[in-house]
């Protein structure tokens, strides 16, 4: 599990793709699979 805090703003898929060094398609799958939690 990866946990991180960021002050970046914008689309969550773009932010996660950059932070995790994966493609936006991979991030989309993580989100669809319920593996992404966003708290603010």
N, C-alpha and C. Protein backbone atom coordinates (compact mmCIF):
# COMPACT_ATOMS: atom_id res chain seq x y z
N UNK A 1 0.84 -1.17 0.00
CA UNK A 1 0.00 0.00 0.00
C UNK A 1 0.89 1.24 0.00
N UNK A 2 0.52 2.20 -0.83
CA UNK A 2 1.24 3.46 -0.88
C UNK A 2 0.38 4.54 -0.24
N UNK A 3 0.94 5.25 0.69
CA UNK A 3 0.27 6.39 1.30
C UNK A 3 1.11 7.62 1.03
N UNK A 4 0.46 8.70 0.65
CA UNK A 4 1.20 9.94 0.50
C UNK A 4 0.26 11.12 0.65
N UNK A 5 0.83 12.24 0.98
CA UNK A 5 0.09 13.49 1.12
C UNK A 5 0.65 14.45 0.08
N UNK A 6 -0.26 15.13 -0.60
CA UNK A 6 0.19 16.09 -1.60
C UNK A 6 -0.65 17.35 -1.52
N UNK A 7 -0.08 18.45 -1.91
CA UNK A 7 -0.82 19.71 -1.99
C UNK A 7 -1.17 20.03 -3.44
N UNK A 8 -0.91 19.08 -4.33
CA UNK A 8 -1.20 19.28 -5.74
C UNK A 8 -2.70 19.41 -5.95
N UNK A 9 -3.06 20.14 -6.96
CA UNK A 9 -4.48 20.24 -7.32
C UNK A 9 -4.64 19.81 -8.77
N UNK A 10 -5.81 19.34 -9.09
CA UNK A 10 -6.09 18.90 -10.45
C UNK A 10 -6.76 17.55 -10.44
N UNK A 11 -6.70 16.90 -11.57
CA UNK A 11 -7.36 15.60 -11.71
C UNK A 11 -6.60 14.53 -10.92
N UNK A 12 -7.37 13.76 -10.16
CA UNK A 12 -6.76 12.76 -9.29
C UNK A 12 -5.99 11.72 -10.10
N UNK A 13 -6.47 11.37 -11.29
CA UNK A 13 -5.76 10.36 -12.08
C UNK A 13 -4.40 10.87 -12.53
N UNK A 14 -4.31 12.13 -12.88
CA UNK A 14 -3.01 12.70 -13.30
C UNK A 14 -2.05 12.79 -12.12
N UNK A 15 -2.56 13.22 -10.97
CA UNK A 15 -1.71 13.34 -9.78
C UNK A 15 -1.17 11.97 -9.37
N UNK A 16 -2.06 10.97 -9.30
CA UNK A 16 -1.63 9.64 -8.90
C UNK A 16 -0.68 9.02 -9.91
N UNK A 17 -0.94 9.21 -11.18
CA UNK A 17 -0.06 8.66 -12.21
C UNK A 17 1.36 9.21 -12.04
N UNK A 18 1.45 10.50 -11.76
CA UNK A 18 2.76 11.12 -11.55
C UNK A 18 3.41 10.62 -10.27
N UNK A 19 2.66 10.62 -9.18
CA UNK A 19 3.20 10.22 -7.88
C UNK A 19 3.60 8.74 -7.84
N UNK A 20 2.82 7.89 -8.51
CA UNK A 20 3.08 6.45 -8.48
C UNK A 20 3.92 5.97 -9.64
N UNK A 21 4.20 6.86 -10.58
CA UNK A 21 4.99 6.53 -11.78
C UNK A 21 4.36 5.37 -12.55
N UNK A 22 3.05 5.51 -12.80
CA UNK A 22 2.30 4.53 -13.59
C UNK A 22 1.46 5.30 -14.61
N UNK A 23 0.85 4.57 -15.53
CA UNK A 23 0.02 5.23 -16.54
C UNK A 23 -1.33 5.63 -15.95
N UNK A 24 -1.99 6.57 -16.61
CA UNK A 24 -3.32 6.98 -16.16
C UNK A 24 -4.31 5.84 -16.31
N UNK A 25 -4.10 4.96 -17.30
CA UNK A 25 -4.97 3.79 -17.44
C UNK A 25 -4.85 2.87 -16.23
N UNK A 26 -3.63 2.71 -15.73
CA UNK A 26 -3.42 1.88 -14.54
C UNK A 26 -4.12 2.51 -13.33
N UNK A 27 -4.03 3.82 -13.22
CA UNK A 27 -4.69 4.52 -12.12
C UNK A 27 -6.20 4.37 -12.24
N UNK A 28 -6.73 4.48 -13.45
CA UNK A 28 -8.17 4.31 -13.68
C UNK A 28 -8.64 2.94 -13.19
N UNK A 29 -7.85 1.91 -13.47
CA UNK A 29 -8.20 0.56 -13.02
C UNK A 29 -8.17 0.49 -11.49
N UNK A 30 -7.17 1.09 -10.86
CA UNK A 30 -7.11 1.10 -9.39
C UNK A 30 -8.34 1.78 -8.80
N UNK A 31 -8.75 2.88 -9.41
CA UNK A 31 -9.93 3.61 -8.93
C UNK A 31 -11.18 2.75 -9.10
N UNK A 32 -11.35 2.16 -10.28
CA UNK A 32 -12.52 1.32 -10.55
C UNK A 32 -12.57 0.11 -9.63
N UNK A 33 -11.40 -0.40 -9.25
CA UNK A 33 -11.34 -1.56 -8.36
C UNK A 33 -11.51 -1.18 -6.89
N UNK A 34 -11.70 0.10 -6.62
CA UNK A 34 -11.94 0.56 -5.25
C UNK A 34 -10.68 0.61 -4.40
N UNK A 35 -9.52 0.72 -5.05
CA UNK A 35 -8.26 0.70 -4.32
C UNK A 35 -7.69 2.09 -4.05
N UNK A 36 -8.46 3.12 -4.37
CA UNK A 36 -8.00 4.50 -4.14
C UNK A 36 -8.92 5.16 -3.13
N UNK A 37 -8.33 5.72 -2.10
CA UNK A 37 -9.09 6.46 -1.08
C UNK A 37 -8.55 7.88 -1.05
N UNK A 38 -9.44 8.82 -1.13
CA UNK A 38 -9.05 10.22 -1.12
C UNK A 38 -9.72 10.90 0.07
N UNK A 39 -8.92 11.48 0.92
CA UNK A 39 -9.44 12.22 2.08
C UNK A 39 -8.96 13.65 1.99
N UNK A 40 -9.83 14.55 2.40
CA UNK A 40 -9.45 15.97 2.41
C UNK A 40 -10.02 16.65 3.60
